[in-house]
C-alpha cells in the first residue's frame, strides 16, 4: 500500500473549496485542455465497464444555471415536450426555436492527465467532433481498446486558440500514441483510479418537472416584458399528463436570442 498516495487522496477529500465560500473547485473534477499539447489516458469507467463515454443532454442559457435534461434518467422533460409541440404546430419560427431549445449533447470521459497523476481521475467534457475522433480510433483494428489498463495507449490532445479557430473558443484534436503502455506501473494507483471517479450523472443539480417548466416560461415571457403578445400558459395540476404551453405566440426575438447563445460553440465550451 502506497501510504503517501493515500495521504494525498485524503488531503484532497478534506481540503476546502478554493473558488470561494460554498463553491466547488471544479478543476478537481473536470479537466479542460489548455492551448498546446497534453498527454492523457482515458480510464475505463467504474460506472460502465463496456463504455467509458457518458452522453448527457444539457440545457444552456434558459436560466443562469446549467440544467440537465430529465430524459437522461428516463423522466419527462418539459422543455423537450414544448419543443415537440412547436414542431407539431409547424411554422418557420416555431421550427427554428424548437431546434434551439433542443438539449446540447455533451460527452464526458474519465481521464488521467500525464504529469498530473496526483490529481486523480477527472472528467473531460467535449462535443461531437472530438467524440467522433475518439470513436474512430477505438474501432480502428490497428489501435483497439486504448483504455486497457495493461496494453492501452495514451492520447495526445492538441488545442489551438481563437487566433487559429476564428471563433471565441479553443478547438482540440486528438491522436493516439503508437506505443502501448500500462495505465501505471503502480498497481495501487491503478486500483484507486479504477474505483474513485466522479460520476457525470451525479454532478448536476436535478430540477423537477415544475422547476424546469417554470424556467422555460420565465425565459419565454420575462417579467419586464409586459402583457402584450404574451404566450398563454396553462399550469398543469399533474405535469406528466396535462403539460401545456401555448406555442402560437412565441416571440421571434427569442429565436435570435437563442442564436446568440449557441452560435460558434465548439468542443471546448466553457463549463
Protein backbone atom coordinates (compact mmCIF):
# COMPACT_ATOMS: atom_id res chain seq x y z
CA UNK A 1 0.00 0.00 0.00
CA UNK A 2 1.35 3.40 -1.01
CA UNK A 3 0.68 5.44 2.13
CA UNK A 4 1.91 8.69 0.58
CA UNK A 5 -0.59 8.31 -2.26
CA UNK A 6 -3.40 7.60 0.19
CA UNK A 7 -2.39 10.64 2.23
CA UNK A 8 -2.63 12.84 -0.87
CA UNK A 9 -6.07 11.41 -1.61
CA UNK A 10 -7.20 12.10 1.96
CA UNK A 11 -5.86 15.64 1.79
CA UNK A 12 -7.76 16.17 -1.45
CA UNK A 13 -11.02 14.95 0.05
CA UNK A 14 -10.62 17.09 3.14
CA UNK A 15 -9.47 20.31 1.51
CA UNK A 16 -11.89 23.19 1.43
CA UNK A 17 -13.12 24.69 -1.87
CA UNK A 18 -10.69 27.24 -3.27
CA UNK A 19 -13.03 29.19 -5.53
CA UNK A 20 -14.92 30.93 -2.75
CA UNK A 21 -17.13 30.15 0.19
CA UNK A 22 -19.68 27.47 -0.56
CA UNK A 23 -18.44 26.92 -4.12
CA UNK A 24 -16.93 23.80 -5.62
CA UNK A 25 -13.47 23.81 -7.12
CA UNK A 26 -14.37 22.27 -10.46
CA UNK A 27 -10.73 21.94 -11.50
CA UNK A 28 -10.57 18.92 -9.17
CA UNK A 29 -13.47 17.30 -11.04
CA UNK A 30 -13.07 18.43 -14.66
CA UNK A 31 -10.08 18.60 -16.94
CA UNK A 32 -10.06 21.20 -19.69
CA UNK A 33 -7.28 21.13 -22.30
CA UNK A 34 -5.02 24.16 -22.35
CA UNK A 35 -3.53 25.56 -25.54
CA UNK A 36 -0.72 23.35 -26.75
CA UNK A 37 -0.16 19.60 -26.45
CA UNK A 38 -1.04 17.43 -23.47
CA UNK A 39 -0.86 13.70 -22.96
CA UNK A 40 -3.76 11.86 -21.34
CA UNK A 41 -5.02 8.35 -20.74
CA UNK A 42 -8.72 7.53 -20.92
CA UNK A 43 -9.58 5.28 -17.98
CA UNK A 44 -12.22 2.52 -18.05
CA UNK A 45 -15.37 3.81 -16.36
CA UNK A 46 -16.21 2.38 -12.98
CA UNK A 47 -19.89 3.00 -13.78
CA UNK A 48 -19.98 1.28 -17.17
CA UNK A 49 -17.26 -1.27 -17.87
CA UNK A 50 -18.26 -1.60 -21.54
CA UNK A 51 -18.22 2.09 -22.42
CA UNK A 52 -16.17 4.91 -20.85
CA UNK A 53 -18.21 7.63 -22.57
CA UNK A 54 -21.26 9.14 -20.87
CA UNK A 55 -23.59 11.15 -23.12
CA UNK A 56 -25.81 13.74 -21.44
CA UNK A 57 -28.40 16.16 -22.80
CA UNK A 58 -27.82 19.56 -21.18
CA UNK A 59 -29.54 22.94 -21.49
CA UNK A 60 -27.53 26.16 -21.56
CA UNK A 61 -28.93 29.68 -21.41
CA UNK A 62 -32.54 29.14 -20.33
CA UNK A 63 -31.52 30.20 -16.83
CA UNK A 64 -28.19 31.39 -15.48
CA UNK A 65 -27.54 27.78 -14.46
CA UNK A 66 -26.82 24.68 -16.47
CA UNK A 67 -29.79 22.29 -16.42
CA UNK A 68 -29.50 18.57 -17.08
CA UNK A 69 -32.40 17.04 -19.00
CA UNK A 70 -34.60 14.64 -17.00
CA UNK A 71 -34.64 12.49 -20.14
CA UNK A 72 -31.14 11.34 -19.14
CA UNK A 73 -32.84 9.47 -16.30
CA UNK A 74 -35.86 8.24 -18.26
CA UNK A 75 -38.13 11.01 -16.96
CA UNK A 76 -40.37 13.52 -18.76
CA UNK A 77 -38.68 16.75 -19.87
CA UNK A 78 -40.95 19.83 -20.15
CA UNK A 79 -38.53 21.69 -22.42
CA UNK A 80 -38.33 18.76 -24.82
CA UNK A 81 -42.13 18.42 -24.72
CA UNK A 82 -42.50 22.11 -25.57
CA UNK A 83 -40.04 21.81 -28.45
CA UNK A 84 -42.02 18.84 -29.72
CA UNK A 85 -45.23 20.91 -29.65
CA UNK A 86 -43.51 23.67 -31.57
CA UNK A 87 -42.61 21.20 -34.30
CA UNK A 88 -46.16 19.83 -34.43
CA UNK A 89 -47.65 23.31 -34.92
CA UNK A 90 -45.31 23.94 -37.80
CA UNK A 91 -44.14 27.36 -38.81
CA UNK A 92 -40.67 28.53 -39.71
CA UNK A 93 -40.33 30.50 -36.46
CA UNK A 94 -41.53 27.59 -34.34
CA UNK A 95 -39.23 25.13 -36.07
CA UNK A 96 -36.17 27.34 -35.63
CA UNK A 97 -36.95 27.95 -31.96
CA UNK A 98 -37.60 24.24 -31.36
CA UNK A 99 -34.18 23.41 -32.76
CA UNK A 100 -32.56 25.96 -30.46
CA UNK A 101 -34.42 24.50 -27.49
CA UNK A 102 -33.04 21.02 -28.07
CA UNK A 103 -30.67 19.89 -25.33
CA UNK A 104 -26.99 20.05 -26.28
CA UNK A 105 -25.34 16.63 -26.36
CA UNK A 106 -22.20 16.68 -24.21
CA UNK A 107 -19.89 13.73 -23.67
CA UNK A 108 -17.90 13.00 -20.52
CA UNK A 109 -14.99 10.57 -20.18
CA UNK A 110 -12.70 9.80 -17.21
CA UNK A 111 -9.05 10.68 -17.82
CA UNK A 112 -5.67 10.72 -16.15
CA UNK A 113 -3.51 13.62 -17.30
CA UNK A 114 0.14 12.68 -17.60
CA UNK A 115 2.25 14.81 -15.33
CA UNK A 116 -0.78 15.48 -13.14
CA UNK A 117 -1.42 11.96 -11.90
CA UNK A 118 -1.58 13.26 -8.32
CA UNK A 119 -4.90 14.92 -9.17
CA UNK A 120 -6.50 11.55 -9.84
CA UNK A 121 -9.23 10.81 -12.35
CA UNK A 122 -11.05 13.83 -13.76
CA UNK A 123 -13.74 14.24 -16.38
CA UNK A 124 -13.05 15.59 -19.83
CA UNK A 125 -16.13 17.18 -21.39
CA UNK A 126 -16.43 17.65 -25.15
CA UNK A 127 -18.83 17.68 -28.07
CA UNK A 128 -19.50 15.86 -31.31
CA UNK A 129 -16.24 16.45 -33.22
CA UNK A 130 -13.86 15.14 -30.56
CA UNK A 131 -16.29 12.31 -29.81
CA UNK A 132 -16.21 11.19 -33.43
CA UNK A 133 -12.40 11.25 -33.41
CA UNK A 134 -12.22 9.11 -30.28
CA UNK A 135 -14.79 6.61 -31.54
CA UNK A 136 -12.98 6.30 -34.88
CA UNK A 137 -9.74 5.50 -33.07
CA UNK A 138 -11.48 2.89 -30.90
CA UNK A 139 -12.89 0.95 -33.87
CA UNK A 140 -9.60 1.03 -35.78
CA UNK A 141 -8.34 -2.57 -35.89
CA UNK A 142 -4.74 -1.37 -35.65
CA UNK A 143 -5.43 0.53 -32.42
CA UNK A 144 -8.15 -1.26 -30.48
CA UNK A 145 -9.05 -0.62 -26.84
CA UNK A 146 -6.85 2.31 -25.89
CA UNK A 147 -8.39 2.32 -22.39
CA UNK A 148 -6.96 -1.11 -21.48
CA UNK A 149 -5.09 -0.75 -18.17
CA UNK A 150 -2.34 -3.17 -19.28
CA UNK A 151 -1.88 -2.63 -23.01
CA UNK A 152 -3.77 0.55 -23.78
CA UNK A 153 -2.48 3.74 -25.35
CA UNK A 154 -2.06 7.31 -24.24
CA UNK A 155 -3.57 10.07 -26.35
CA UNK A 156 -2.09 13.41 -27.35
CA UNK A 157 -4.59 16.27 -27.20
CA UNK A 158 -3.59 19.31 -29.22
CA UNK A 159 -5.51 22.53 -28.60
CA UNK A 160 -5.42 25.76 -30.57
CA UNK A 161 -6.85 29.10 -29.52
CA UNK A 162 -9.20 31.68 -31.05
CA UNK A 163 -6.47 33.08 -33.28
CA UNK A 164 -6.48 29.73 -35.12
CA UNK A 165 -10.16 28.81 -34.89
CA UNK A 166 -11.55 32.18 -35.95
CA UNK A 167 -14.06 31.95 -33.09
CA UNK A 168 -14.07 32.93 -29.42
CA UNK A 169 -13.33 29.35 -28.41
CA UNK A 170 -10.49 26.85 -28.40
CA UNK A 171 -10.54 23.73 -30.52
CA UNK A 172 -8.99 20.36 -29.65
CA UNK A 173 -7.96 17.39 -31.77
CA UNK A 174 -6.64 14.01 -30.68
CA UNK A 175 -4.20 11.43 -31.92
CA UNK A 176 -3.22 8.10 -30.43
CA UNK A 177 0.28 7.22 -29.30
CA UNK A 178 1.87 4.39 -31.31
CA UNK A 179 3.38 2.67 -28.28
CA UNK A 180 1.17 0.66 -25.94
CA UNK A 181 1.73 1.00 -22.20
CA UNK A 182 0.12 0.18 -18.85
CA UNK A 183 -2.05 2.78 -17.17
CA UNK A 184 0.58 2.82 -14.39
CA UNK A 185 3.36 0.61 -13.10
CA UNK A 186 1.94 1.14 -9.62
CA UNK A 187 -0.87 -1.35 -9.01
CA UNK A 188 -2.22 0.66 -6.08
CA UNK A 189 -2.67 3.72 -8.28
CA UNK A 190 -4.48 1.67 -10.93
CA UNK A 191 -6.82 0.31 -8.28
CA UNK A 192 -7.64 3.79 -6.95
CA UNK A 193 -8.11 5.28 -10.42
CA UNK A 194 -10.38 2.40 -11.39
CA UNK A 195 -12.67 2.95 -8.41
CA UNK A 196 -12.52 6.62 -7.43
CA UNK A 197 -14.05 8.55 -10.31
CA UNK A 198 -16.56 11.41 -10.46
CA UNK A 199 -19.94 10.26 -11.76
CA UNK A 200 -21.13 12.62 -14.55
CA UNK A 201 -24.79 11.97 -13.75
CA UNK A 202 -24.37 13.00 -10.13
CA UNK A 203 -22.56 16.30 -10.71
CA UNK A 204 -25.56 18.33 -11.87
CA UNK A 205 -28.46 19.52 -9.79
CA UNK A 206 -31.59 17.69 -10.89
CA UNK A 207 -34.52 20.06 -11.34
CA UNK A 208 -38.12 18.90 -11.03
CA UNK A 209 -40.56 18.95 -13.92
CA UNK A 210 -42.28 22.05 -12.49
CA UNK A 211 -38.99 23.87 -11.87
CA UNK A 212 -37.87 23.37 -15.46
CA UNK A 213 -41.29 24.31 -16.82
CA UNK A 214 -41.25 27.50 -14.75
CA UNK A 215 -37.75 28.36 -16.01
CA UNK A 216 -38.90 27.94 -19.61
CA UNK A 217 -41.98 30.10 -19.01
CA UNK A 218 -39.87 32.88 -17.49
CA UNK A 219 -37.47 32.75 -20.39
CA UNK A 220 -40.28 32.92 -22.94
CA UNK A 221 -42.04 35.73 -21.06
CA UNK A 222 -39.62 37.82 -18.99
CA UNK A 223 -41.21 39.66 -16.09
CA UNK A 224 -40.36 43.02 -17.62
CA UNK A 225 -41.87 42.19 -21.00
CA UNK A 226 -45.35 43.43 -20.12
CA UNK A 227 -48.57 41.76 -21.15
CA UNK A 228 -48.51 42.50 -24.87
CA UNK A 229 -48.23 39.41 -27.09
CA UNK A 230 -47.58 37.16 -24.13
CA UNK A 231 -47.91 33.41 -24.68
CA UNK A 232 -50.76 31.89 -22.73
CA UNK A 233 -49.59 29.41 -20.12
CA UNK A 234 -51.67 26.65 -18.64
CA UNK A 235 -50.20 25.32 -15.40
CA UNK A 236 -50.84 21.57 -15.08
CA UNK A 237 -52.06 20.02 -11.87
CA UNK A 238 -50.47 16.72 -12.93
CA UNK A 239 -47.45 17.62 -15.08
CA UNK A 240 -46.92 14.23 -16.65
CA UNK A 241 -50.34 14.18 -18.31
CA UNK A 242 -51.60 17.80 -18.53
CA UNK A 243 -48.49 19.68 -19.57
CA UNK A 244 -49.40 22.64 -21.77
CA UNK A 245 -47.72 25.75 -23.12
CA UNK A 246 -49.27 27.81 -25.88
CA UNK A 247 -46.87 27.69 -28.82
CA UNK A 248 -48.81 30.01 -31.09
CA UNK A 249 -47.47 33.30 -29.73
CA UNK A 250 -43.77 32.65 -29.29
CA UNK A 251 -41.85 35.85 -29.96
CA UNK A 252 -39.44 35.92 -32.90
CA UNK A 253 -36.79 37.74 -30.87
CA UNK A 254 -36.42 34.62 -28.74
CA UNK A 255 -35.13 32.81 -31.82
CA UNK A 256 -32.49 35.49 -32.29
CA UNK A 257 -31.57 35.35 -28.61
CA UNK A 258 -31.03 31.60 -28.76
CA UNK A 259 -28.93 32.05 -31.90
CA UNK A 260 -26.54 34.22 -29.92
CA UNK A 261 -26.35 31.61 -27.17
CA UNK A 262 -25.37 28.71 -29.37
CA UNK A 263 -23.61 30.20 -32.41
CA UNK A 264 -19.92 29.37 -32.75
CA UNK A 265 -19.90 26.88 -29.89
CA UNK A 266 -17.07 24.36 -30.22
CA UNK A 267 -15.93 21.26 -28.41
CA UNK A 268 -14.32 23.42 -25.75
CA UNK A 269 -17.41 25.13 -24.40
CA UNK A 270 -16.76 26.83 -21.08
CA UNK A 271 -18.42 24.75 -18.39
